[in-house]
Amino acid sequence: MILGKVIGTVWATRKDEAMVGMSLQIVRHIDLDFKMKDAFVVAVDTVQAGVGDVVLVATGSSARQTAVTKNKPVDAVIMAVVDKLDVTDK
């Protein structure tokens, strides 16, 4: 899974019919201190995340395991909005 922050939305009026009705969000990877990394992913949003939300993204075949994305041509899915992050340093 990827920890990231939603930084924008992708608008695609023409797409595969299996993707009609799905919202696509741009998610930039973040570290445990919420600092932005260079990497990003475009992910199907199944939890109504908004710009600025910290989210968990599943990728690969796991992205096709939600009720919304099952058997769809999806490689990344926002599957949780993070409310709190507790990190304990060793």
PDB file of N, CA and C in Angstrom:
ATOM      1  N   MET A   1       0.835  -1.189   0.000  1.00  0.00           N
ATOM      2  CA  MET A   1       0.000   0.000   0.000  1.00  0.00           C
ATOM      3  C   MET A   1       0.869   1.238   0.000  1.00  0.00           C
ATOM      4  N   ILE A   2       0.291   2.293  -0.504  1.00  0.00           N
ATOM      5  CA  ILE A   2       0.979   3.577  -0.600  1.00  0.00           C
ATOM      6  C   ILE A   2       0.252   4.585   0.283  1.00  0.00           C
ATOM      7  N   LEU A   3       1.031   5.339   1.052  1.00  0.00           N
ATOM      8  CA  LEU A   3       0.489   6.457   1.814  1.00  0.00           C
ATOM      9  C   LEU A   3       0.658   7.691   0.941  1.00  0.00           C
ATOM     10  N   GLY A   4      -0.429   8.422   0.717  1.00  0.00           N
ATOM     11  CA  GLY A   4      -0.343   9.565  -0.180  1.00  0.00           C
ATOM     12  C   GLY A   4      -1.319  10.660   0.176  1.00  0.00           C
ATOM     13  N   LYS A   5      -1.218  11.746  -0.573  1.00  0.00           N
ATOM     14  CA  LYS A   5      -2.107  12.886  -0.387  1.00  0.00           C
ATOM     15  C   LYS A   5      -2.740  13.217  -1.733  1.00  0.00           C
ATOM     16  N   VAL A   6      -4.052  13.399  -1.731  1.00  0.00           N
ATOM     17  CA  VAL A   6      -4.760  13.739  -2.964  1.00  0.00           C
ATOM     18  C   VAL A   6      -4.421  15.181  -3.317  1.00  0.00           C
ATOM     19  N   ILE A   7      -3.889  15.361  -4.539  1.00  0.00           N
ATOM     20  CA  ILE A   7      -3.474  16.706  -4.953  1.00  0.00           C
ATOM     21  C   ILE A   7      -4.252  17.214  -6.155  1.00  0.00           C
ATOM     22  N   GLY A   8      -5.123  16.379  -6.711  1.00  0.00           N
ATOM     23  CA  GLY A   8      -5.889  16.839  -7.868  1.00  0.00           C
ATOM     24  C   GLY A   8      -6.798  15.760  -8.426  1.00  0.00           C
ATOM     25  N   THR A   9      -7.521  16.128  -9.460  1.00  0.00           N
ATOM     26  CA  THR A   9      -8.491  15.243 -10.100  1.00  0.00           C
ATOM     27  C   THR A   9      -8.170  15.135 -11.578  1.00  0.00           C
ATOM     28  N   VAL A  10      -8.360  13.942 -12.130  1.00  0.00           N
ATOM     29  CA  VAL A  10      -8.223  13.732 -13.568  1.00  0.00           C
ATOM     30  C   VAL A  10      -9.623  13.682 -14.162  1.00  0.00           C
ATOM     31  N   TRP A  11      -9.861  14.498 -15.172  1.00  0.00           N
ATOM     32  CA  TRP A  11     -11.148  14.498 -15.873  1.00  0.00           C
ATOM     33  C   TRP A  11     -10.951  13.787 -17.200  1.00  0.00           C
ATOM     34  N   ALA A  12     -11.718  12.735 -17.439  1.00  0.00           N
ATOM     35  CA  ALA A  12     -11.631  11.988 -18.693  1.00  0.00           C
ATOM     36  C   ALA A  12     -13.054  11.726 -19.180  1.00  0.00           C
ATOM     37  N   THR A  13     -13.497  12.506 -20.135  1.00  0.00           N
ATOM     38  CA  THR A  13     -14.870  12.347 -20.613  1.00  0.00           C
ATOM     39  C   THR A  13     -15.016  11.134 -21.524  1.00  0.00           C
ATOM     40  N   ARG A  14     -13.916  10.717 -22.147  1.00  0.00           N
ATOM     41  CA  ARG A  14     -13.947   9.506 -22.969  1.00  0.00           C
ATOM     42  C   ARG A  14     -13.032   8.487 -22.324  1.00  0.00           C
ATOM     43  N   LYS A  15     -13.593   7.361 -21.913  1.00  0.00           N
ATOM     44  CA  LYS A  15     -12.818   6.297 -21.285  1.00  0.00           C
ATOM     45  C   LYS A  15     -13.525   4.974 -21.504  1.00  0.00           C
ATOM     46  N   ASP A  16     -12.847   3.898 -21.170  1.00  0.00           N
ATOM     47  CA  ASP A  16     -13.427   2.570 -21.285  1.00  0.00           C
ATOM     48  C   ASP A  16     -14.776   2.555 -20.564  1.00  0.00           C
ATOM     49  N   GLU A  17     -15.768   1.917 -21.183  1.00  0.00           N
ATOM     50  CA  GLU A  17     -17.113   1.947 -20.588  1.00  0.00           C
ATOM     51  C   GLU A  17     -17.157   1.287 -19.214  1.00  0.00           C
ATOM     52  N   ALA A  18     -16.220   0.407 -18.891  1.00  0.00           N
ATOM     53  CA  ALA A  18     -16.162  -0.191 -17.556  1.00  0.00           C
ATOM     54  C   ALA A  18     -15.765   0.840 -16.497  1.00  0.00           C
ATOM     55  N   MET A  19     -15.209   1.970 -16.947  1.00  0.00           N
ATOM     56  CA  MET A  19     -14.747   3.004 -16.025  1.00  0.00           C
ATOM     57  C   MET A  19     -15.730   4.169 -15.892  1.00  0.00           C
ATOM     58  N   VAL A  20     -16.819   4.134 -16.626  1.00  0.00           N
ATOM     59  CA  VAL A  20     -17.794   5.222 -16.575  1.00  0.00           C
ATOM     60  C   VAL A  20     -18.327   5.362 -15.146  1.00  0.00           C
ATOM     61  N   GLY A  21     -18.357   6.590 -14.659  1.00  0.00           N
ATOM     62  CA  GLY A  21     -18.853   6.864 -13.313  1.00  0.00           C
ATOM     63  C   GLY A  21     -17.783   6.816 -12.238  1.00  0.00           C
ATOM     64  N   MET A  22     -16.579   6.390 -12.597  1.00  0.00           N
ATOM     65  CA  MET A  22     -15.501   6.320 -11.608  1.00  0.00           C
ATOM     66  C   MET A  22     -14.739   7.635 -11.568  1.00  0.00           C
ATOM     67  N   SER A  23     -14.436   8.089 -10.361  1.00  0.00           N
ATOM     68  CA  SER A  23     -13.667   9.306 -10.162  1.00  0.00           C
ATOM     69  C   SER A  23     -12.182   8.949 -10.108  1.00  0.00           C
ATOM     70  N   LEU A  24     -11.361   9.737 -10.801  1.00  0.00           N
ATOM     71  CA  LEU A  24      -9.914   9.508 -10.831  1.00  0.00           C
ATOM     72  C   LEU A  24      -9.212  10.646 -10.104  1.00  0.00           C
ATOM     73  N   GLN A  25      -8.379  10.304  -9.125  1.00  0.00           N
ATOM     74  CA  GLN A  25      -7.665  11.302  -8.328  1.00  0.00           C
ATOM     75  C   GLN A  25      -6.158  11.149  -8.521  1.00  0.00           C
ATOM     76  N   ILE A  26      -5.449  12.271  -8.465  1.00  0.00           N
ATOM     77  CA  ILE A  26      -3.990  12.262  -8.496  1.00  0.00           C
ATOM     78  C   ILE A  26      -3.512  12.217  -7.050  1.00  0.00           C
ATOM     79  N   VAL A  27      -2.740  11.183  -6.726  1.00  0.00           N
ATOM     80  CA  VAL A  27      -2.258  10.995  -5.357  1.00  0.00           C
ATOM     81  C   VAL A  27      -0.732  11.045  -5.363  1.00  0.00           C
ATOM     82  N   ARG A  28      -0.191  11.983  -4.614  1.00  0.00           N
ATOM     83  CA  ARG A  28       1.268  12.099  -4.491  1.00  0.00           C
ATOM     84  C   ARG A  28       1.710  11.340  -3.252  1.00  0.00           C
ATOM     85  N   HIS A  29       2.740  10.533  -3.402  1.00  0.00           N
ATOM     86  CA  HIS A  29       3.267   9.763  -2.282  1.00  0.00           C
ATOM     87  C   HIS A  29       3.791  10.715  -1.201  1.00  0.00           C
ATOM     88  N   ILE A  30       3.623  10.323   0.067  1.00  0.00           N
ATOM     89  CA  ILE A  30       4.170  11.094   1.187  1.00  0.00           C
ATOM     90  C   ILE A  30       4.912  10.160   2.117  1.00  0.00           C
ATOM     91  N   ASP A  31       5.817  10.742   2.933  1.00  0.00           N
ATOM     92  CA  ASP A  31       6.515   9.937   3.928  1.00  0.00           C
ATOM     93  C   ASP A  31       5.773  10.035   5.264  1.00  0.00           C
ATOM     94  N   LEU A  32       6.330   9.442   6.291  1.00  0.00           N
ATOM     95  CA  LEU A  32       5.652   9.403   7.593  1.00  0.00           C
ATOM     96  C   LEU A  32       5.578  10.758   8.285  1.00  0.00           C
ATOM     97  N   ASP A  33       6.341  11.722   7.785  1.00  0.00           N
ATOM     98  CA  ASP A  33       6.275  13.092   8.303  1.00  0.00           C
ATOM     99  C   ASP A  33       5.377  13.968   7.423  1.00  0.00           C
ATOM    100  N   PHE A  34       4.630  13.329   6.522  1.00  0.00           N
ATOM    101  CA  PHE A  34       3.717  13.993   5.593  1.00  0.00           C
ATOM    102  C   PHE A  34       4.440  14.881   4.583  1.00  0.00           C
ATOM    103  N   LYS A  35       5.729  14.620   4.359  1.00  0.00           N
ATOM    104  CA  LYS A  35       6.476  15.362   3.346  1.00  0.00           C
ATOM    105  C   LYS A  35       6.252  14.697   1.993  1.00  0.00           C
ATOM    106  N   MET A  36       5.997  15.531   0.991  1.00  0.00           N
ATOM    107  CA  MET A  36       5.724  15.035  -0.350  1.00  0.00           C
ATOM    108  C   MET A  36       6.978  14.421  -0.972  1.00  0.00           C
ATOM    109  N   LYS A  37       6.762  13.294  -1.662  1.00  0.00           N
ATOM    110  CA  LYS A  37       7.811  12.679  -2.460  1.00  0.00           C
ATOM    111  C   LYS A  37       7.564  13.039  -3.922  1.00  0.00           C
ATOM    112  N   ASP A  38       8.487  12.666  -4.796  1.00  0.00           N
ATOM    113  CA  ASP A  38       8.340  12.984  -6.217  1.00  0.00           C
ATOM    114  C   ASP A  38       7.321  12.097  -6.918  1.00  0.00           C
ATOM    115  N   ALA A  39       7.111  10.884  -6.428  1.00  0.00           N
ATOM    116  CA  ALA A  39       6.246   9.921  -7.111  1.00  0.00           C
ATOM    117  C   ALA A  39       4.764  10.245  -6.918  1.00  0.00           C
ATOM    118  N   PHE A  40       3.974   9.878  -7.929  1.00  0.00           N
ATOM    119  CA  PHE A  40       2.528  10.037  -7.825  1.00  0.00           C
ATOM    120  C   PHE A  40       1.859   8.901  -8.577  1.00  0.00           C
ATOM    121  N   VAL A  41       0.557   8.747  -8.357  1.00  0.00           N
ATOM    122  CA  VAL A  41      -0.237   7.738  -9.038  1.00  0.00           C
ATOM    123  C   VAL A  41      -1.621   8.323  -9.303  1.00  0.00           C
ATOM    124  N   VAL A  42      -2.240   7.893 -10.381  1.00  0.00           N
ATOM    125  CA  VAL A  42      -3.638   8.223 -10.635  1.00  0.00           C
ATOM    126  C   VAL A  42      -4.442   7.017 -10.172  1.00  0.00           C
ATOM    127  N   ALA A  43      -5.384   7.235  -9.263  1.00  0.00           N
ATOM    128  CA  ALA A  43      -6.115   6.127  -8.649  1.00  0.00           C
ATOM    129  C   ALA A  43      -7.619   6.349  -8.716  1.00  0.00           C
ATOM    130  N   VAL A  44      -8.350   5.262  -8.856  1.00  0.00           N
ATOM    131  CA  VAL A  44      -9.809   5.315  -8.774  1.00  0.00           C
ATOM    132  C   VAL A  44     -10.174   5.574  -7.314  1.00  0.00           C
ATOM    133  N   ASP A  45     -11.072   6.513  -7.093  1.00  0.00           N
ATOM    134  CA  ASP A  45     -11.485   6.885  -5.738  1.00  0.00           C
ATOM    135  C   ASP A  45     -12.766   6.143  -5.378  1.00  0.00           C
ATOM    136  N   THR A  46     -12.687   5.225  -4.429  1.00  0.00           N
ATOM    137  CA  THR A  46     -13.876   4.472  -4.003  1.00  0.00           C
ATOM    138  C   THR A  46     -14.440   4.962  -2.676  1.00  0.00           C
ATOM    139  N   VAL A  47     -13.818   5.986  -2.083  1.00  0.00           N
ATOM    140  CA  VAL A  47     -14.236   6.443  -0.747  1.00  0.00           C
ATOM    141  C   VAL A  47     -14.552   7.934  -0.686  1.00  0.00           C
ATOM    142  N   GLN A  48     -14.734   8.574  -1.845  1.00  0.00           N
ATOM    143  CA  GLN A  48     -15.041   9.997  -1.932  1.00  0.00           C
ATOM    144  C   GLN A  48     -13.999  10.862  -1.221  1.00  0.00           C
ATOM    145  N   ALA A  49     -12.728  10.569  -1.464  1.00  0.00           N
ATOM    146  CA  ALA A  49     -11.642  11.388  -0.926  1.00  0.00           C
ATOM    147  C   ALA A  49     -11.628  12.720  -1.667  1.00  0.00           C
ATOM    148  N   GLY A  50     -11.112  13.734  -1.007  1.00  0.00           N
ATOM    149  CA  GLY A  50     -11.030  15.046  -1.632  1.00  0.00           C
ATOM    150  C   GLY A  50      -9.608  15.558  -1.658  1.00  0.00           C
ATOM    151  N   VAL A  51      -9.392  16.607  -2.424  1.00  0.00           N
ATOM    152  CA  VAL A  51      -8.068  17.218  -2.483  1.00  0.00           C
ATOM    153  C   VAL A  51      -7.653  17.609  -1.073  1.00  0.00           C
ATOM    154  N   GLY A  52      -6.431  17.240  -0.699  1.00  0.00           N
ATOM    155  CA  GLY A  52      -5.902  17.515   0.634  1.00  0.00           C
ATOM    156  C   GLY A  52      -5.998  16.337   1.580  1.00  0.00           C
ATOM    157  N   ASP A  53      -6.836  15.349   1.258  1.00  0.00           N
ATOM    158  CA  ASP A  53      -6.968  14.170   2.129  1.00  0.00           C
ATOM    159  C   ASP A  53      -5.734  13.284   2.042  1.00  0.00           C
ATOM    160  N   VAL A  54      -5.336  12.738   3.186  1.00  0.00           N
ATOM    161  CA  VAL A  54      -4.299  11.706   3.238  1.00  0.00           C
ATOM    162  C   VAL A  54      -5.014  10.376   3.069  1.00  0.00           C
ATOM    163  N   VAL A  55      -4.506   9.542   2.160  1.00  0.00           N
ATOM    164  CA  VAL A  55      -5.207   8.316   1.787  1.00  0.00           C
ATOM    165  C   VAL A  55      -4.256   7.130   1.710  1.00  0.00           C
ATOM    166  N   LEU A  56      -4.852   5.937   1.709  1.00  0.00           N
ATOM    167  CA  LEU A  56      -4.127   4.704   1.420  1.00  0.00           C
ATOM    168  C   LEU A  56      -4.531   4.244   0.034  1.00  0.00           C
ATOM    169  N   VAL A  57      -3.541   3.877  -0.759  1.00  0.00           N
ATOM    170  CA  VAL A  57      -3.768   3.424  -2.125  1.00  0.00           C
ATOM    171  C   VAL A  57      -3.259   1.992  -2.263  1.00  0.00           C
ATOM    172  N   ALA A  58      -4.108   1.126  -2.778  1.00  0.00           N
ATOM    173  CA  ALA A  58      -3.697  -0.238  -3.119  1.00  0.00           C
ATOM    174  C   ALA A  58      -3.413  -0.268  -4.613  1.00  0.00           C
ATOM    175  N   THR A  59      -2.392  -1.022  -5.002  1.00  0.00           N
ATOM    176  CA  THR A  59      -2.020  -1.086  -6.413  1.00  0.00           C
ATOM    177  C   THR A  59      -1.950  -2.534  -6.884  1.00  0.00           C
ATOM    178  N   GLY A  60      -1.803  -2.683  -8.176  1.00  0.00           N
ATOM    179  CA  GLY A  60      -1.699  -4.010  -8.774  1.00  0.00           C
ATOM    180  C   GLY A  60      -3.023  -4.749  -8.715  1.00  0.00           C
ATOM    181  N   SER A  61      -2.955  -6.066  -8.638  1.00  0.00           N
ATOM    182  CA  SER A  61      -4.178  -6.879  -8.638  1.00  0.00           C
ATOM    183  C   SER A  61      -5.053  -6.590  -7.419  1.00  0.00           C
ATOM    184  N   SER A  62      -4.469  -6.119  -6.327  1.00  0.00           N
ATOM    185  CA  SER A  62      -5.254  -5.765  -5.140  1.00  0.00           C
ATOM    186  C   SER A  62      -6.215  -4.614  -5.422  1.00  0.00           C
ATOM    187  N   ALA A  63      -5.883  -3.777  -6.387  1.00  0.00           N
ATOM    188  CA  ALA A  63      -6.740  -2.639  -6.731  1.00  0.00           C
ATOM    189  C   ALA A  63      -8.066  -3.099  -7.325  1.00  0.00           C
ATOM    190  N   ARG A  64      -8.123  -4.328  -7.784  1.00  0.00           N
ATOM    191  CA  ARG A  64      -9.354  -4.849  -8.388  1.00  0.00           C
ATOM    192  C   ARG A  64     -10.174  -5.684  -7.411  1.00  0.00           C
ATOM    193  N   GLN A  65      -9.947  -5.492  -6.118  1.00  0.00           N
ATOM    194  CA  GLN A  65     -10.647  -6.283  -5.110  1.00  0.00           C
ATOM    195  C   GLN A  65     -11.764  -5.533  -4.398  1.00  0.00           C
ATOM    196  N   THR A  66     -11.970  -4.251  -4.707  1.00  0.00           N
ATOM    197  CA  THR A  66     -13.066  -3.520  -4.064  1.00  0.00           C
ATOM    198  C   THR A  66     -14.366  -3.788  -4.814  1.00  0.00           C
ATOM    199  N   ALA A  67     -15.473  -3.478  -4.181  1.00  0.00           N
ATOM    200  CA  ALA A  67     -16.776  -3.678  -4.824  1.00  0.00           C
ATOM    201  C   ALA A  67     -16.905  -2.829  -6.088  1.00  0.00           C
ATOM    202  N   VAL A  68     -16.315  -1.645  -6.084  1.00  0.00           N
ATOM    203  CA  VAL A  68     -16.416  -0.727  -7.216  1.00  0.00           C
ATOM    204  C   VAL A  68     -15.496  -1.139  -8.374  1.00  0.00           C
ATOM    205  N   THR A  69     -14.327  -1.688  -8.055  1.00  0.00           N
ATOM    206  CA  THR A  69     -13.321  -1.951  -9.091  1.00  0.00           C
ATOM    207  C   THR A  69     -13.200  -3.414  -9.503  1.00  0.00           C
ATOM    208  N   LYS A  70     -14.012  -4.273  -8.941  1.00  0.00           N
ATOM    209  CA  LYS A  70     -13.901  -5.706  -9.239  1.00  0.00           C
ATOM    210  C   LYS A  70     -13.997  -5.964 -10.740  1.00  0.00           C
ATOM    211  N   ASN A  71     -12.989  -6.662 -11.251  1.00  0.00           N
ATOM    212  CA  ASN A  71     -12.899  -7.040 -12.666  1.00  0.00           C
ATOM    213  C   ASN A  71     -12.881  -5.854 -13.621  1.00  0.00           C
ATOM    214  N   LYS A  72     -12.403  -4.710 -13.157  1.00  0.00           N
ATOM    215  CA  LYS A  72     -12.292  -3.509 -13.998  1.00  0.00           C
ATOM    216  C   LYS A  72     -10.817  -3.290 -14.354  1.00  0.00           C
ATOM    217  N   PRO A  73     -10.535  -2.522 -15.406  1.00  0.00           N
ATOM    218  CA  PRO A  73      -9.146  -2.269 -15.811  1.00  0.00           C
ATOM    219  C   PRO A  73      -8.495  -1.195 -14.921  1.00  0.00           C
ATOM    220  N   VAL A  74      -8.254  -1.566 -13.664  1.00  0.00           N
ATOM    221  CA  VAL A  74      -7.761  -0.628 -12.651  1.00  0.00           C
ATOM    222  C   VAL A  74      -6.454  -1.157 -12.070  1.00  0.00           C
ATOM    223  N   ASP A  75      -5.478  -0.265 -11.899  1.00  0.00           N
ATOM    224  CA  ASP A  75      -4.196  -0.650 -11.318  1.00  0.00           C
ATOM    225  C   ASP A  75      -3.912   0.068 -10.000  1.00  0.00           C
ATOM    226  N   ALA A  76      -4.744   1.051  -9.627  1.00  0.00           N
ATOM    227  CA  ALA A  76      -4.564   1.768  -8.362  1.00  0.00           C
ATOM    228  C   ALA A  76      -5.929   2.233  -7.874  1.00  0.00           C
ATOM    229  N   VAL A  77      -6.160   2.086  -6.559  1.00  0.00           N
ATOM    230  CA  VAL A  77      -7.446   2.465  -5.991  1.00  0.00           C
ATOM    231  C   VAL A  77      -7.242   3.105  -4.615  1.00  0.00           C
ATOM    232  N   ILE A  78      -7.931   4.232  -4.398  1.00  0.00           N
ATOM    233  CA  ILE A  78      -7.964   4.828  -3.058  1.00  0.00           C
ATOM    234  C   ILE A  78      -8.984   4.017  -2.284  1.00  0.00           C
ATOM    235  N   MET A  79      -8.507   3.340  -1.224  1.00  0.00           N
ATOM    236  CA  MET A  79      -9.398   2.455  -0.493  1.00  0.00           C
ATOM    237  C   MET A  79      -9.582   2.856   0.968  1.00  0.00           C
ATOM    238  N   ALA A  80      -8.965   3.973   1.375  1.00  0.00           N
ATOM    239  CA  ALA A  80      -9.159   4.468   2.742  1.00  0.00           C
ATOM    240  C   ALA A  80      -8.708   5.915   2.839  1.00  0.00           C
ATOM    241  N   VAL A  81      -9.424   6.687   3.647  1.00  0.00           N
ATOM    242  CA  VAL A  81      -8.988   8.030   4.028  1.00  0.00           C
ATOM    243  C   VAL A  81      -8.407   7.902   5.426  1.00  0.00           C
ATOM    244  N   VAL A  82      -7.188   8.385   5.601  1.00  0.00           N
ATOM    245  CA  VAL A  82      -6.479   8.255   6.878  1.00  0.00           C
ATOM    246  C   VAL A  82      -6.945   9.365   7.814  1.00  0.00           C
ATOM    247  N   ASP A  83      -7.460   8.965   8.986  1.00  0.00           N
ATOM    248  CA  ASP A  83      -7.869   9.940  10.000  1.00  0.00           C
ATOM    249  C   ASP A  83      -6.714  10.334  10.906  1.00  0.00           C
ATOM    250  N   LYS A  84      -5.852   9.356  11.200  1.00  0.00           N
ATOM    251  CA  LYS A  84      -4.762   9.595  12.131  1.00  0.00           C
ATOM    252  C   LYS A  84      -3.645   8.618  11.821  1.00  0.00           C
ATOM    253  N   LEU A  85      -2.433   9.051  12.059  1.00  0.00           N
ATOM    254  CA  LEU A  85      -1.265   8.211  11.842  1.00  0.00           C
ATOM    255  C   LEU A  85      -0.435   8.219  13.110  1.00  0.00           C
ATOM    256  N   ASP A  86      -0.295   7.071  13.761  1.00  0.00           N
ATOM    257  CA  ASP A  86       0.536   6.953  14.963  1.00  0.00           C
ATOM    258  C   ASP A  86       1.810   6.216  14.595  1.00  0.00           C
ATOM    259  N   VAL A  87       2.944   6.880  14.776  1.00  0.00           N
ATOM    260  CA  VAL A  87       4.232   6.287  14.456  1.00  0.00           C
ATOM    261  C   VAL A  87       5.085   6.313  15.717  1.00  0.00           C
ATOM    262  N   THR A  88       5.655   5.173  16.053  1.00  0.00           N
ATOM    263  CA  THR A  88       6.524   5.076  17.221  1.00  0.00           C
ATOM    264  C   THR A  88       7.934   4.819  16.738  1.00  0.00           C
ATOM    265  N   ASP A  89       8.843   5.750  17.047  1.00  0.00           N
ATOM    266  CA  ASP A  89      10.258   5.565  16.692  1.00  0.00           C
ATOM    267  C   ASP A  89      10.867   4.539  17.616  1.00  0.00           C
ATOM    268  N   LYS A  90      11.812   3.787  17.064  1.00  0.00           N
ATOM    269  CA  LYS A  90      12.508   2.790  17.891  1.00  0.00           C
ATOM    270  C   LYS A  90      13.650   3.418  18.627  1.00  0.00           C
TER     271      LYS A  90
END
